Full PDB file with SEQRES, HELIX, SHEET, SSBOND, CRYST1, ORIGX, SCALE, CONECT and MASTER records, all heavy atoms in Angstrom:
SEQRES   1 A   30  VAL VAL ARG GLY ASP SER THR ARG ALA HIS VAL LEU GLU          
SEQRES   2 A   30  THR ALA GLY VAL SER ARG ALA LEU VAL VAL VAL ILE GLY          
SEQRES   3 A   30  ASP ASP GLU PRO                                              
HELIX    1 AA1 ALA A    9  THR A   14  1                                   6    
HELIX    2 AA2 VAL A   17  ARG A   19  5                                   3    
CRYST1    1.000    1.000    1.000  90.00  90.00  90.00 P 1           1          
ORIGX1      1.000000  0.000000  0.000000        0.00000                         
ORIGX2      0.000000  1.000000  0.000000        0.00000                         
ORIGX3      0.000000  0.000000  1.000000        0.00000                         
SCALE1      1.000000  0.000000  0.000000        0.00000                         
SCALE2      0.000000  1.000000  0.000000        0.00000                         
SCALE3      0.000000  0.000000  1.000000        0.00000                         
ATOM      1  N   VAL A   1      92.082  97.597  92.992  1.00  0.00           N  
ATOM      2  CA  VAL A   1      91.911  96.237  93.501  1.00  0.00           C  
ATOM      3  C   VAL A   1      93.234  95.493  93.433  1.00  0.00           C  
ATOM      4  O   VAL A   1      93.950  95.551  92.431  1.00  0.00           O  
ATOM      5  CB  VAL A   1      90.842  95.463  92.698  1.00  0.00           C  
ATOM      6  CG1 VAL A   1      90.737  94.024  93.205  1.00  0.00           C  
ATOM      7  CG2 VAL A   1      89.485  96.153  92.802  1.00  0.00           C  
ATOM      8  N   VAL A   2      93.560  94.796  94.514  1.00  0.00           N  
ATOM      9  CA  VAL A   2      94.689  93.869  94.535  1.00  0.00           C  
ATOM     10  C   VAL A   2      94.116  92.487  94.805  1.00  0.00           C  
ATOM     11  O   VAL A   2      93.460  92.258  95.829  1.00  0.00           O  
ATOM     12  CB  VAL A   2      95.722  94.244  95.619  1.00  0.00           C  
ATOM     13  CG1 VAL A   2      96.794  93.163  95.726  1.00  0.00           C  
ATOM     14  CG2 VAL A   2      96.349  95.595  95.307  1.00  0.00           C  
ATOM     15  N   ARG A   3      94.337  91.551  93.885  1.00  0.00           N  
ATOM     16  CA  ARG A   3      93.845  90.189  94.045  1.00  0.00           C  
ATOM     17  C   ARG A   3      94.887  89.369  94.808  1.00  0.00           C  
ATOM     18  O   ARG A   3      96.028  89.254  94.356  1.00  0.00           O  
ATOM     19  CB  ARG A   3      93.579  89.552  92.683  1.00  0.00           C  
ATOM     20  CG  ARG A   3      92.383  90.158  91.940  1.00  0.00           C  
ATOM     21  CD  ARG A   3      92.354  89.692  90.501  1.00  0.00           C  
ATOM     22  NE  ARG A   3      91.101  90.012  89.828  1.00  0.00           N  
ATOM     23  CZ  ARG A   3      90.822  91.202  89.303  1.00  0.00           C  
ATOM     24  NH1 ARG A   3      91.737  92.177  89.367  1.00  0.00           N  
ATOM     25  NH2 ARG A   3      89.653  91.421  88.717  1.00  0.00           N  
ATOM     26  N   GLY A   4      94.462  88.813  95.940  1.00  0.00           N  
ATOM     27  CA  GLY A   4      95.413  88.021  96.707  1.00  0.00           C  
ATOM     28  C   GLY A   4      94.921  87.747  98.115  1.00  0.00           C  
ATOM     29  O   GLY A   4      93.853  88.206  98.530  1.00  0.00           O  
ATOM     30  N   ASP A   5      95.722  86.998  98.855  1.00  0.00           N  
ATOM     31  CA  ASP A   5      95.410  86.576 100.219  1.00  0.00           C  
ATOM     32  C   ASP A   5      95.859  87.659 101.192  1.00  0.00           C  
ATOM     33  O   ASP A   5      97.048  87.988 101.277  1.00  0.00           O  
ATOM     34  CB  ASP A   5      96.145  85.260 100.494  1.00  0.00           C  
ATOM     35  CG  ASP A   5      95.837  84.684 101.862  1.00  0.00           C  
ATOM     36  OD1 ASP A   5      95.218  85.376 102.691  1.00  0.00           O  
ATOM     37  OD2 ASP A   5      96.240  83.524 102.114  1.00  0.00           O  
ATOM     38  N   SER A   6      94.917  88.177 101.988  1.00  0.00           N  
ATOM     39  CA  SER A   6      95.227  89.284 102.891  1.00  0.00           C  
ATOM     40  C   SER A   6      96.140  88.890 104.048  1.00  0.00           C  
ATOM     41  O   SER A   6      96.615  89.770 104.775  1.00  0.00           O  
ATOM     42  CB  SER A   6      93.933  89.871 103.464  1.00  0.00           C  
ATOM     43  OG  SER A   6      93.128  90.408 102.446  1.00  0.00           O  
ATOM     44  N   THR A   7      96.376  87.601 104.248  1.00  0.00           N  
ATOM     45  CA  THR A   7      97.302  87.197 105.300  1.00  0.00           C  
ATOM     46  C   THR A   7      98.749  87.198 104.804  1.00  0.00           C  
ATOM     47  O   THR A   7      99.669  86.936 105.595  1.00  0.00           O  
ATOM     48  CB  THR A   7      96.968  85.788 105.828  1.00  0.00           C  
ATOM     49  OG1 THR A   7      97.137  84.820 104.775  1.00  0.00           O  
ATOM     50  CG2 THR A   7      95.542  85.732 106.353  1.00  0.00           C  
ATOM     51  N   ARG A   8      98.954  87.485 103.530  1.00  0.00           N  
ATOM     52  CA  ARG A   8     100.302  87.495 102.956  1.00  0.00           C  
ATOM     53  C   ARG A   8     100.859  88.908 102.938  1.00  0.00           C  
ATOM     54  O   ARG A   8     100.250  89.824 102.383  1.00  0.00           O  
ATOM     55  CB  ARG A   8     100.278  86.938 101.537  1.00  0.00           C  
ATOM     56  CG  ARG A   8      99.684  85.535 101.413  1.00  0.00           C  
ATOM     57  CD  ARG A   8     100.540  84.518 102.130  1.00  0.00           C  
ATOM     58  NE  ARG A   8     100.025  83.155 101.947  1.00  0.00           N  
ATOM     59  CZ  ARG A   8     100.559  82.081 102.525  1.00  0.00           C  
ATOM     60  NH1 ARG A   8     101.603  82.211 103.316  1.00  0.00           N  
ATOM     61  NH2 ARG A   8     100.034  80.888 102.316  1.00  0.00           N  
ATOM     62  N   ALA A   9     102.039  89.058 103.525  1.00  0.00           N  
ATOM     63  CA  ALA A   9     102.629  90.390 103.640  1.00  0.00           C  
ATOM     64  C   ALA A   9     102.857  91.028 102.274  1.00  0.00           C  
ATOM     65  O   ALA A   9     102.604  92.219 102.086  1.00  0.00           O  
ATOM     66  CB  ALA A   9     103.941  90.311 104.416  1.00  0.00           C  
ATOM     67  N   HIS A  10     103.316  90.242 101.303  1.00  0.00           N  
ATOM     68  CA  HIS A  10     103.621  90.834 100.005  1.00  0.00           C  
ATOM     69  C   HIS A  10     102.365  91.327  99.298  1.00  0.00           C  
ATOM     70  O   HIS A  10     102.413  92.294  98.528  1.00  0.00           O  
ATOM     71  CB  HIS A  10     104.387  89.837  99.117  1.00  0.00           C  
ATOM     72  CG  HIS A  10     103.549  88.706  98.602  1.00  0.00           C  
ATOM     73  ND1 HIS A  10     103.318  87.555  99.320  1.00  0.00           N  
ATOM     74  CD2 HIS A  10     102.865  88.559  97.429  1.00  0.00           C  
ATOM     75  CE1 HIS A  10     102.551  86.732  98.621  1.00  0.00           C  
ATOM     76  NE2 HIS A  10     102.256  87.316  97.464  1.00  0.00           N  
ATOM     77  N   VAL A  11     101.221  90.683  99.580  1.00  0.00           N  
ATOM     78  CA  VAL A  11      99.960  91.138  98.987  1.00  0.00           C  
ATOM     79  C   VAL A  11      99.573  92.499  99.576  1.00  0.00           C  
ATOM     80  O   VAL A  11      99.197  93.428  98.857  1.00  0.00           O  
ATOM     81  CB  VAL A  11      98.842  90.104  99.217  1.00  0.00           C  
ATOM     82  CG1 VAL A  11      97.487  90.658  98.762  1.00  0.00           C  
ATOM     83  CG2 VAL A  11      99.159  88.816  98.460  1.00  0.00           C  
ATOM     84  N   LEU A  12      99.677  92.617 100.891  1.00  0.00           N  
ATOM     85  CA  LEU A  12      99.346  93.882 101.534  1.00  0.00           C  
ATOM     86  C   LEU A  12     100.335  94.974 101.154  1.00  0.00           C  
ATOM     87  O   LEU A  12      99.961  96.145 101.020  1.00  0.00           O  
ATOM     88  CB  LEU A  12      99.320  93.705 103.057  1.00  0.00           C  
ATOM     89  CG  LEU A  12      98.239  92.759 103.594  1.00  0.00           C  
ATOM     90  CD1 LEU A  12      98.319  92.657 105.114  1.00  0.00           C  
ATOM     91  CD2 LEU A  12      96.845  93.229 103.176  1.00  0.00           C  
ATOM     92  N   GLU A  13     101.576  94.614 100.976  1.00  0.00           N  
ATOM     93  CA  GLU A  13     102.565  95.607 100.534  1.00  0.00           C  
ATOM     94  C   GLU A  13     102.226  96.112  99.134  1.00  0.00           C  
ATOM     95  O   GLU A  13     102.351  97.299  98.832  1.00  0.00           O  
ATOM     96  CB  GLU A  13     103.970  94.993 100.565  1.00  0.00           C  
ATOM     97  CG  GLU A  13     104.515  94.809 101.978  1.00  0.00           C  
ATOM     98  CD  GLU A  13     105.808  94.023 102.008  1.00  0.00           C  
ATOM     99  OE1 GLU A  13     106.084  93.299 101.011  1.00  0.00           O  
ATOM    100  OE2 GLU A  13     106.533  94.107 103.004  1.00  0.00           O  
ATOM    101  N   THR A  14     101.778  95.204  98.261  1.00  0.00           N  
ATOM    102  CA  THR A  14     101.361  95.602  96.916  1.00  0.00           C  
ATOM    103  C   THR A  14     100.188  96.568  96.978  1.00  0.00           C  
ATOM    104  O   THR A  14     100.076  97.493  96.167  1.00  0.00           O  
ATOM    105  CB  THR A  14     100.971  94.361  96.084  1.00  0.00           C  
ATOM    106  OG1 THR A  14     102.088  93.483  95.992  1.00  0.00           O  
ATOM    107  CG2 THR A  14     100.522  94.756  94.677  1.00  0.00           C  
ATOM    108  N   ALA A  15      99.324  96.366  97.969  1.00  0.00           N  
ATOM    109  CA  ALA A  15      98.164  97.249  98.128  1.00  0.00           C  
ATOM    110  C   ALA A  15      98.534  98.597  98.756  1.00  0.00           C  
ATOM    111  O   ALA A  15      97.679  99.483  98.853  1.00  0.00           O  
ATOM    112  CB  ALA A  15      97.114  96.561  98.995  1.00  0.00           C  
ATOM    113  N   GLY A  16      99.788  98.730  99.185  1.00  0.00           N  
ATOM    114  CA  GLY A  16     100.221  99.998  99.772  1.00  0.00           C  
ATOM    115  C   GLY A  16      99.845 100.162 101.226  1.00  0.00           C  
ATOM    116  O   GLY A  16      99.652 101.282 101.704  1.00  0.00           O  
ATOM    117  N   VAL A  17      99.764  99.038 101.959  1.00  0.00           N  
ATOM    118  CA  VAL A  17      99.293  99.123 103.344  1.00  0.00           C  
ATOM    119  C   VAL A  17     100.215  99.969 104.217  1.00  0.00           C  
ATOM    120  O   VAL A  17      99.773 100.580 105.198  1.00  0.00           O  
ATOM    121  CB  VAL A  17      99.122  97.705 103.936  1.00  0.00           C  
ATOM    122  CG1 VAL A  17     100.467  97.059 104.193  1.00  0.00           C  
ATOM    123  CG2 VAL A  17      98.288  97.742 105.207  1.00  0.00           C  
ATOM    124  N   SER A  18     101.487 100.049 103.872  1.00  0.00           N  
ATOM    125  CA  SER A  18     102.418 100.832 104.692  1.00  0.00           C  
ATOM    126  C   SER A  18     102.085 102.312 104.674  1.00  0.00           C  
ATOM    127  O   SER A  18     102.530 103.065 105.541  1.00  0.00           O  
ATOM    128  CB  SER A  18     103.861 100.614 104.210  1.00  0.00           C  
ATOM    129  OG  SER A  18     104.006 101.062 102.873  1.00  0.00           O  
ATOM    130  N   ARG A  19     101.297 102.754 103.686  1.00  0.00           N  
ATOM    131  CA  ARG A  19     100.900 104.160 103.601  1.00  0.00           C  
ATOM    132  C   ARG A  19      99.471 104.389 104.087  1.00  0.00           C  
ATOM    133  O   ARG A  19      98.969 105.510 104.051  1.00  0.00           O  
ATOM    134  CB  ARG A  19     101.018 104.656 102.147  1.00  0.00           C  
ATOM    135  CG  ARG A  19     102.402 104.498 101.543  1.00  0.00           C  
ATOM    136  CD  ARG A  19     102.469 105.152 100.167  1.00  0.00           C  
ATOM    137  NE  ARG A  19     101.482 104.611  99.242  1.00  0.00           N  
ATOM    138  CZ  ARG A  19     101.653 103.504  98.525  1.00  0.00           C  
ATOM    139  NH1 ARG A  19     102.788 102.819  98.648  1.00  0.00           N  
ATOM    140  NH2 ARG A  19     100.728 103.078  97.695  1.00  0.00           N  
ATOM    141  N   ALA A  20      98.811 103.335 104.521  1.00  0.00           N  
ATOM    142  CA  ALA A  20      97.396 103.438 104.861  1.00  0.00           C  
ATOM    143  C   ALA A  20      97.172 104.224 106.147  1.00  0.00           C  
ATOM    144  O   ALA A  20      97.946 104.136 107.102  1.00  0.00           O  
ATOM    145  CB  ALA A  20      96.790 102.039 105.014  1.00  0.00           C  
ATOM    146  N   LEU A  21      96.100 104.989 106.155  1.00  0.00           N  
ATOM    147  CA  LEU A  21      95.669 105.655 107.382  1.00  0.00           C  
ATOM    148  C   LEU A  21      94.819 104.724 108.224  1.00  0.00           C  
ATOM    149  O   LEU A  21      94.902 104.717 109.449  1.00  0.00           O  
ATOM    150  CB  LEU A  21      94.865 106.919 107.042  1.00  0.00           C  
ATOM    151  CG  LEU A  21      95.612 108.014 106.275  1.00  0.00           C  
ATOM    152  CD1 LEU A  21      94.661 109.161 105.958  1.00  0.00           C  
ATOM    153  CD2 LEU A  21      96.803 108.500 107.081  1.00  0.00           C  
ATOM    154  N   VAL A  22      93.971 103.929 107.572  1.00  0.00           N  
ATOM    155  CA  VAL A  22      93.100 102.973 108.253  1.00  0.00           C  
ATOM    156  C   VAL A  22      93.030 101.699 107.417  1.00  0.00           C  
ATOM    157  O   VAL A  22      92.944 101.770 106.187  1.00  0.00           O  
ATOM    158  CB  VAL A  22      91.665 103.536 108.443  1.00  0.00           C  
ATOM    159  CG1 VAL A  22      90.761 102.491 109.092  1.00  0.00           C  
ATOM    160  CG2 VAL A  22      91.675 104.803 109.284  1.00  0.00           C  
ATOM    161  N   VAL A  23      93.076 100.561 108.093  1.00  0.00           N  
ATOM    162  CA  VAL A  23      92.889  99.272 107.435  1.00  0.00           C  
ATOM    163  C   VAL A  23      91.625  98.640 108.016  1.00  0.00           C  
ATOM    164  O   VAL A  23      91.455  98.576 109.239  1.00  0.00           O  
ATOM    165  CB  VAL A  23      94.091  98.333 107.660  1.00  0.00           C  
ATOM    166  CG1 VAL A  23      93.820  96.957 107.044  1.00  0.00           C  
ATOM    167  CG2 VAL A  23      95.354  98.951 107.050  1.00  0.00           C  
ATOM    168  N   VAL A  24      90.726  98.185 107.128  1.00  0.00           N  
ATOM    169  CA  VAL A  24      89.455  97.589 107.544  1.00  0.00           C  
ATOM    170  C   VAL A  24      89.468  96.106 107.199  1.00  0.00           C  
ATOM    171  O   VAL A  24      89.749  95.735 106.057  1.00  0.00           O  
ATOM    172  CB  VAL A  24      88.264  98.279 106.848  1.00  0.00           C  
ATOM    173  CG1 VAL A  24      86.944  97.681 107.345  1.00  0.00           C  
ATOM    174  CG2 VAL A  24      88.293  99.782 107.084  1.00  0.00           C  
ATOM    175  N   ILE A  25      89.164  95.267 108.184  1.00  0.00           N  
ATOM    176  CA  ILE A  25      89.128  93.818 107.992  1.00  0.00           C  
ATOM    177  C   ILE A  25      87.700  93.345 108.197  1.00  0.00           C  
ATOM    178  O   ILE A  25      87.112  93.577 109.256  1.00  0.00           O  
ATOM    179  CB  ILE A  25      90.070  93.098 108.972  1.00  0.00           C  
ATOM    180  CG1 ILE A  25      91.509  93.612 108.786  1.00  0.00           C  
ATOM    181  CG2 ILE A  25      90.009  91.585 108.780  1.00  0.00           C  
ATOM    182  CD1 ILE A  25      92.472  93.093 109.843  1.00  0.00           C  
ATOM    183  N   GLY A  26      87.153  92.671 107.195  1.00  0.00           N  
ATOM    184  CA  GLY A  26      85.758  92.225 107.275  1.00  0.00           C  
ATOM    185  C   GLY A  26      85.594  90.727 107.170  1.00  0.00           C  
ATOM    186  O   GLY A  26      84.540  90.252 106.765  1.00  0.00           O  
ATOM    187  N   ASP A  27      86.632  89.956 107.525  1.00  0.00           N  
ATOM    188  CA  ASP A  27      86.536  88.504 107.421  1.00  0.00           C  
ATOM    189  C   ASP A  27      85.569  87.945 108.462  1.00  0.00           C  
ATOM    190  O   ASP A  27      85.549  88.386 109.613  1.00  0.00           O  
ATOM    191  CB  ASP A  27      87.919  87.871 107.616  1.00  0.00           C  
ATOM    192  CG  ASP A  27      87.976  86.456 107.079  1.00  0.00           C  
ATOM    193  OD1 ASP A  27      87.479  85.545 107.758  1.00  0.00           O  
ATOM    194  OD2 ASP A  27      88.515  86.268 105.973  1.00  0.00           O  
ATOM    195  N   ASP A  28      84.765  86.949 108.077  1.00  0.00           N  
ATOM    196  CA  ASP A  28      83.759  86.389 108.972  1.00  0.00           C  
ATOM    197  C   ASP A  28      84.357  85.561 110.111  1.00  0.00           C  
ATOM    198  O   ASP A  28      83.731  85.397 111.155  1.00  0.00           O  
ATOM    199  CB  ASP A  28      82.772  85.517 108.191  1.00  0.00           C  
ATOM    200  CG  ASP A  28      81.880  86.334 107.275  1.00  0.00           C  
ATOM    201  OD1 ASP A  28      81.699  87.529 107.555  1.00  0.00           O  
ATOM    202  OD2 ASP A  28      81.386  85.780 106.279  1.00  0.00           O  
ATOM    203  N   GLU A  29      85.547  85.010 109.896  1.00  0.00           N  
ATOM    204  CA  GLU A  29      86.164  84.151 110.905  1.00  0.00           C  
ATOM    205  C   GLU A  29      87.106  84.981 111.783  1.00  0.00           C  
ATOM    206  O   GLU A  29      88.072  85.553 111.285  1.00  0.00           O  
ATOM    207  CB  GLU A  29      86.956  83.031 110.238  1.00  0.00           C  
ATOM    208  CG  GLU A  29      86.100  82.046 109.461  1.00  0.00           C  
ATOM    209  CD  GLU A  29      85.147  81.287 110.382  1.00  0.00           C  
ATOM    210  OE1 GLU A  29      85.524  81.051 111.552  1.00  0.00           O  
ATOM    211  OE2 GLU A  29      84.038  80.952 109.937  1.00  0.00           O  
ATOM    212  N   PRO A  30      86.863  85.041 113.105  1.00  0.00           N  
ATOM    213  CA  PRO A  30      87.727  85.832 113.988  1.00  0.00           C  
ATOM    214  C   PRO A  30      89.191  85.419 113.927  1.00  0.00           C  
ATOM    215  O   PRO A  30      90.080  86.277 113.989  1.00  0.00           O  
ATOM    216  CB  PRO A  30      87.137  85.561 115.385  1.00  0.00           C  
ATOM    217  CG  PRO A  30      85.722  85.184 115.139  1.00  0.00           C  
ATOM    218  CD  PRO A  30      85.724  84.441 113.837  1.00  0.00           C  
TER     219      PRO A  30                                                      
MASTER        0    0    0    2    0    0    0    6  218    1    0    3          
END                                                                             
């Protein structure tokens, strides 16, 4: 788990998004 705002690049970088095969977004607001 990474606690943080998903719109922030540094948060996603901490989560290792650059190595991700798939990213899933489930926010209710388009």
